[in-house]
C-alpha cells in the first residue's frame, strides 16, 4: 500500500458512512409513503402475521443504525491513528498539507490559497510530504 492509498483510507470510510446514512434516509422515506391495498387479483385466505407490519422496517432501521455506529467508531479510531502519524513528521508544512488534504479532504486549489502557495508548489510539496510520510509509515513494505 502506498502512502497515498494509506492516507485515503479516511475518505473511503467516510464515503461508506455517507452511503449508510443515505440508505437509512431512503428507508425512512419509503416508510412514510402510504401503501394502498391491492384490489386486483384473487383473494387468498392467509393467517395473519404475528408481527406488526412496521416490525420489518424497525429491524432494518436498527441494523443500519448499528452499522453506522460501527463505521463511525472505525472512522474516529483511524483518524486518530493517521493524525498522530502525520504529526510525527518534522516539517510543519508537510503536516499542514497532509492534514488539509487527507483529514479535511480539501482540494489542492483550496490548500494553495490557505497556505499562500501556488498550485504547482502545493503539488510538489505534496509529493515531498508523501515521501516523508512513507519513510515513517508503519509496515513500510511498499
C-alpha atoms as a PDB file:
ATOM      1  CA  UNK A   1       0.000   0.000   0.000  1.00  0.00           C
ATOM      2  CA  UNK A   2       1.388   3.371  -0.961  1.00  0.00           C
ATOM      3  CA  UNK A   3       1.398   6.333   1.406  1.00  0.00           C
ATOM      4  CA  UNK A   4      -1.361   7.971  -0.628  1.00  0.00           C
ATOM      5  CA  UNK A   5      -3.553   4.840  -0.507  1.00  0.00           C
ATOM      6  CA  UNK A   6      -2.946   4.540   3.223  1.00  0.00           C
ATOM      7  CA  UNK A   7      -3.952   8.151   3.831  1.00  0.00           C
ATOM      8  CA  UNK A   8      -7.028   7.811   1.598  1.00  0.00           C
ATOM      9  CA  UNK A   9      -8.493   5.251   3.996  1.00  0.00           C
ATOM     10  CA  UNK A  10     -10.238   8.043   5.864  1.00  0.00           C
ATOM     11  CA  UNK A  11     -12.050   9.234   2.753  1.00  0.00           C
ATOM     12  CA  UNK A  12     -13.093   5.662   1.909  1.00  0.00           C
ATOM     13  CA  UNK A  13     -14.520   5.072   5.394  1.00  0.00           C
ATOM     14  CA  UNK A  14     -16.229   8.476   5.301  1.00  0.00           C
ATOM     15  CA  UNK A  15     -17.883   7.625   1.975  1.00  0.00           C
ATOM     16  CA  UNK A  16     -19.095   4.285   3.331  1.00  0.00           C
ATOM     17  CA  UNK A  17     -20.577   6.160   6.262  1.00  0.00           C
ATOM     18  CA  UNK A  18     -22.332   8.607   3.923  1.00  0.00           C
ATOM     19  CA  UNK A  19     -23.816   5.676   1.985  1.00  0.00           C
ATOM     20  CA  UNK A  20     -25.148   4.136   5.182  1.00  0.00           C
ATOM     21  CA  UNK A  21     -26.752   7.447   6.178  1.00  0.00           C
ATOM     22  CA  UNK A  22     -28.317   7.701   2.724  1.00  0.00           C
ATOM     23  CA  UNK A  23     -29.576   4.120   2.942  1.00  0.00           C
ATOM     24  CA  UNK A  24     -31.204   4.863   6.298  1.00  0.00           C
ATOM     25  CA  UNK A  25     -32.783   8.057   4.952  1.00  0.00           C
ATOM     26  CA  UNK A  26     -34.209   6.158   1.967  1.00  0.00           C
ATOM     27  CA  UNK A  27     -35.622   3.526   4.307  1.00  0.00           C
ATOM     28  CA  UNK A  28     -37.231   6.241   6.442  1.00  0.00           C
ATOM     29  CA  UNK A  29     -38.610   7.989   3.358  1.00  0.00           C
ATOM     30  CA  UNK A  30     -40.022   4.739   1.952  1.00  0.00           C
ATOM     31  CA  UNK A  31     -41.729   4.027   5.242  1.00  0.00           C
ATOM     32  CA  UNK A  32     -43.629   7.330   5.134  1.00  0.00           C
ATOM     33  CA  UNK A  33     -45.423   6.516   1.872  1.00  0.00           C
ATOM     34  CA  UNK A  34     -48.917   5.161   2.278  1.00  0.00           C
ATOM     35  CA  UNK A  35     -49.449   1.724   0.839  1.00  0.00           C
ATOM     36  CA  UNK A  36     -52.761   1.130  -0.826  1.00  0.00           C
ATOM     37  CA  UNK A  37     -54.437  -2.236  -0.549  1.00  0.00           C
ATOM     38  CA  UNK A  38     -54.364  -4.436  -3.628  1.00  0.00           C
ATOM     39  CA  UNK A  39     -57.809  -4.723  -5.168  1.00  0.00           C
ATOM     40  CA  UNK A  40     -56.997  -6.744  -8.272  1.00  0.00           C
ATOM     41  CA  UNK A  41     -56.374 -10.444  -8.254  1.00  0.00           C
ATOM     42  CA  UNK A  42     -57.718 -13.417  -6.390  1.00  0.00           C
ATOM     43  CA  UNK A  43     -58.027 -13.177  -2.685  1.00  0.00           C
ATOM     44  CA  UNK A  44     -56.319 -15.930  -0.773  1.00  0.00           C
ATOM     45  CA  UNK A  45     -57.047 -16.505   2.830  1.00  0.00           C
ATOM     46  CA  UNK A  46     -53.879 -16.385   4.862  1.00  0.00           C
ATOM     47  CA  UNK A  47     -53.272 -16.475   8.535  1.00  0.00           C
ATOM     48  CA  UNK A  48     -52.395 -13.078   9.962  1.00  0.00           C
ATOM     49  CA  UNK A  49     -48.775 -12.397  10.735  1.00  0.00           C
ATOM     50  CA  UNK A  50     -47.937 -12.176  14.396  1.00  0.00           C
ATOM     51  CA  UNK A  51     -45.574  -9.259  13.812  1.00  0.00           C
ATOM     52  CA  UNK A  52     -46.992  -5.814  13.137  1.00  0.00           C
ATOM     53  CA  UNK A  53     -46.284  -4.511   9.597  1.00  0.00           C
ATOM     54  CA  UNK A  54     -43.779  -1.904  10.806  1.00  0.00           C
ATOM     55  CA  UNK A  55     -41.593  -4.502  12.563  1.00  0.00           C
ATOM     56  CA  UNK A  56     -39.583  -5.281   9.392  1.00  0.00           C
ATOM     57  CA  UNK A  57     -38.848  -1.593   8.926  1.00  0.00           C
ATOM     58  CA  UNK A  58     -37.755  -1.260  12.538  1.00  0.00           C
ATOM     59  CA  UNK A  59     -35.405  -4.239  12.283  1.00  0.00           C
ATOM     60  CA  UNK A  60     -33.812  -2.881   9.074  1.00  0.00           C
ATOM     61  CA  UNK A  61     -33.509   0.606  10.588  1.00  0.00           C
ATOM     62  CA  UNK A  62     -31.831  -0.821  13.689  1.00  0.00           C
ATOM     63  CA  UNK A  63     -29.378  -2.879  11.599  1.00  0.00           C
ATOM     64  CA  UNK A  64     -28.368   0.143   9.526  1.00  0.00           C
ATOM     65  CA  UNK A  65     -28.053   2.310  12.635  1.00  0.00           C
ATOM     66  CA  UNK A  66     -25.795  -0.303  14.241  1.00  0.00           C
ATOM     67  CA  UNK A  67     -23.620  -0.410  11.099  1.00  0.00           C
ATOM     68  CA  UNK A  68     -23.458   3.401  11.133  1.00  0.00           C
ATOM     69  CA  UNK A  69     -22.234   3.335  14.740  1.00  0.00           C
ATOM     70  CA  UNK A  70     -19.580   0.734  13.945  1.00  0.00           C
ATOM     71  CA  UNK A  71     -18.385   2.622  10.861  1.00  0.00           C
ATOM     72  CA  UNK A  72     -18.340   5.907  12.815  1.00  0.00           C
ATOM     73  CA  UNK A  73     -16.167   4.291  15.509  1.00  0.00           C
ATOM     74  CA  UNK A  74     -13.848   2.946  12.806  1.00  0.00           C
ATOM     75  CA  UNK A  75     -13.543   6.411  11.227  1.00  0.00           C
ATOM     76  CA  UNK A  76     -12.753   8.097  14.541  1.00  0.00           C
ATOM     77  CA  UNK A  77     -10.183   5.473  15.504  1.00  0.00           C
ATOM     78  CA  UNK A  78      -8.470   5.507  12.095  1.00  0.00           C
ATOM     79  CA  UNK A  79      -8.479   9.308  12.058  1.00  0.00           C
ATOM     80  CA  UNK A  80      -6.700   9.389  15.441  1.00  0.00           C
ATOM     81  CA  UNK A  81      -4.065   6.957  14.174  1.00  0.00           C
ATOM     82  CA  UNK A  82      -3.436   8.811  10.913  1.00  0.00           C
ATOM     83  CA  UNK A  83      -3.399  12.271  12.513  1.00  0.00           C
ATOM     84  CA  UNK A  84      -0.858  11.053  15.069  1.00  0.00           C
ATOM     85  CA  UNK A  85       1.286   9.569  12.291  1.00  0.00           C
ATOM     86  CA  UNK A  86       1.120  12.775  10.253  1.00  0.00           C
ATOM     87  CA  UNK A  87       2.052  14.803  13.333  1.00  0.00           C
ATOM     88  CA  UNK A  88       5.221  12.718  13.719  1.00  0.00           C
ATOM     89  CA  UNK A  89       6.660  14.411  10.611  1.00  0.00           C
ATOM     90  CA  UNK A  90       9.266  17.073  11.290  1.00  0.00           C
ATOM     91  CA  UNK A  91       8.289  19.608   8.615  1.00  0.00           C
ATOM     92  CA  UNK A  92       5.277  21.696   9.687  1.00  0.00           C
ATOM     93  CA  UNK A  93       4.379  22.373   6.044  1.00  0.00           C
ATOM     94  CA  UNK A  94       4.059  18.649   5.404  1.00  0.00           C
ATOM     95  CA  UNK A  95       1.903  18.216   8.493  1.00  0.00           C
ATOM     96  CA  UNK A  96      -0.344  21.096   7.457  1.00  0.00           C
ATOM     97  CA  UNK A  97      -0.658  19.948   3.854  1.00  0.00           C
ATOM     98  CA  UNK A  98      -1.320  16.256   4.607  1.00  0.00           C
ATOM     99  CA  UNK A  99      -3.850  17.159   7.286  1.00  0.00           C
ATOM    100  CA  UNK A 100      -5.712  19.510   4.961  1.00  0.00           C
ATOM    101  CA  UNK A 101      -5.649  17.010   2.105  1.00  0.00           C
ATOM    102  CA  UNK A 102      -6.355  13.675   3.805  1.00  0.00           C
ATOM    103  CA  UNK A 103      -8.110  14.562   7.060  1.00  0.00           C
ATOM    104  CA  UNK A 104     -10.094  17.619   5.974  1.00  0.00           C
ATOM    105  CA  UNK A 105     -10.489  16.439   2.321  1.00  0.00           C
ATOM    106  CA  UNK A 106      -9.542  19.802   0.827  1.00  0.00           C
ATOM    107  CA  UNK A 107      -8.584  20.300  -2.814  1.00  0.00           C
ATOM    108  CA  UNK A 108      -5.105  21.372  -3.860  1.00  0.00           C
ATOM    109  CA  UNK A 109      -6.564  24.687  -5.014  1.00  0.00           C
ATOM    110  CA  UNK A 110      -8.046  25.433  -1.599  1.00  0.00           C
ATOM    111  CA  UNK A 111      -4.859  24.306   0.147  1.00  0.00           C
ATOM    112  CA  UNK A 112      -2.785  26.587  -2.085  1.00  0.00           C
ATOM    113  CA  UNK A 113      -4.926  29.577  -1.128  1.00  0.00           C
ATOM    114  CA  UNK A 114      -4.863  28.710   2.589  1.00  0.00           C
ATOM    115  CA  UNK A 115      -1.109  28.119   2.650  1.00  0.00           C
ATOM    116  CA  UNK A 116      -0.410  31.090   0.377  1.00  0.00           C
ATOM    117  CA  UNK A 117       1.466  28.959  -2.183  1.00  0.00           C
ATOM    118  CA  UNK A 118       0.975  28.432  -5.878  1.00  0.00           C
ATOM    119  CA  UNK A 119      -0.956  25.393  -7.008  1.00  0.00           C
ATOM    120  CA  UNK A 120       2.189  23.913  -8.606  1.00  0.00           C
ATOM    121  CA  UNK A 121       4.185  24.388  -5.421  1.00  0.00           C
ATOM    122  CA  UNK A 122       1.475  22.663  -3.380  1.00  0.00           C
ATOM    123  CA  UNK A 123       1.609  19.699  -5.781  1.00  0.00           C
ATOM    124  CA  UNK A 124       5.407  19.492  -5.415  1.00  0.00           C
ATOM    125  CA  UNK A 125       5.175  19.884  -1.653  1.00  0.00           C
ATOM    126  CA  UNK A 126       2.545  17.157  -1.588  1.00  0.00           C
ATOM    127  CA  UNK A 127       4.930  14.757  -3.328  1.00  0.00           C
ATOM    128  CA  UNK A 128       7.689  15.556  -0.843  1.00  0.00           C
ATOM    129  CA  UNK A 129       5.281  15.204   2.080  1.00  0.00           C
ATOM    130  CA  UNK A 130       4.166  11.792   0.828  1.00  0.00           C
ATOM    131  CA  UNK A 131       7.779  10.676   0.565  1.00  0.00           C
ATOM    132  CA  UNK A 132       8.476  11.850   4.111  1.00  0.00           C
ATOM    133  CA  UNK A 133       5.326  10.123   5.362  1.00  0.00           C
ATOM    134  CA  UNK A 134       6.200   6.912   3.515  1.00  0.00           C
ATOM    135  CA  UNK A 135       9.581   6.827   5.274  1.00  0.00           C
ATOM    136  CA  UNK A 136       7.811   6.946   8.679  1.00  0.00           C
ATOM    137  CA  UNK A 137       4.794   4.892   7.650  1.00  0.00           C
ATOM    138  CA  UNK A 138       4.060   1.768   9.674  1.00  0.00           C
ATOM    139  CA  UNK A 139       4.637  -1.518   7.832  1.00  0.00           C
ATOM    140  CA  UNK A 140       6.861   0.243   5.339  1.00  0.00           C
ATOM    141  CA  UNK A 141       6.516  -2.557   2.794  1.00  0.00           C
ATOM    142  CA  UNK A 142       5.665  -0.511  -0.280  1.00  0.00           C
END
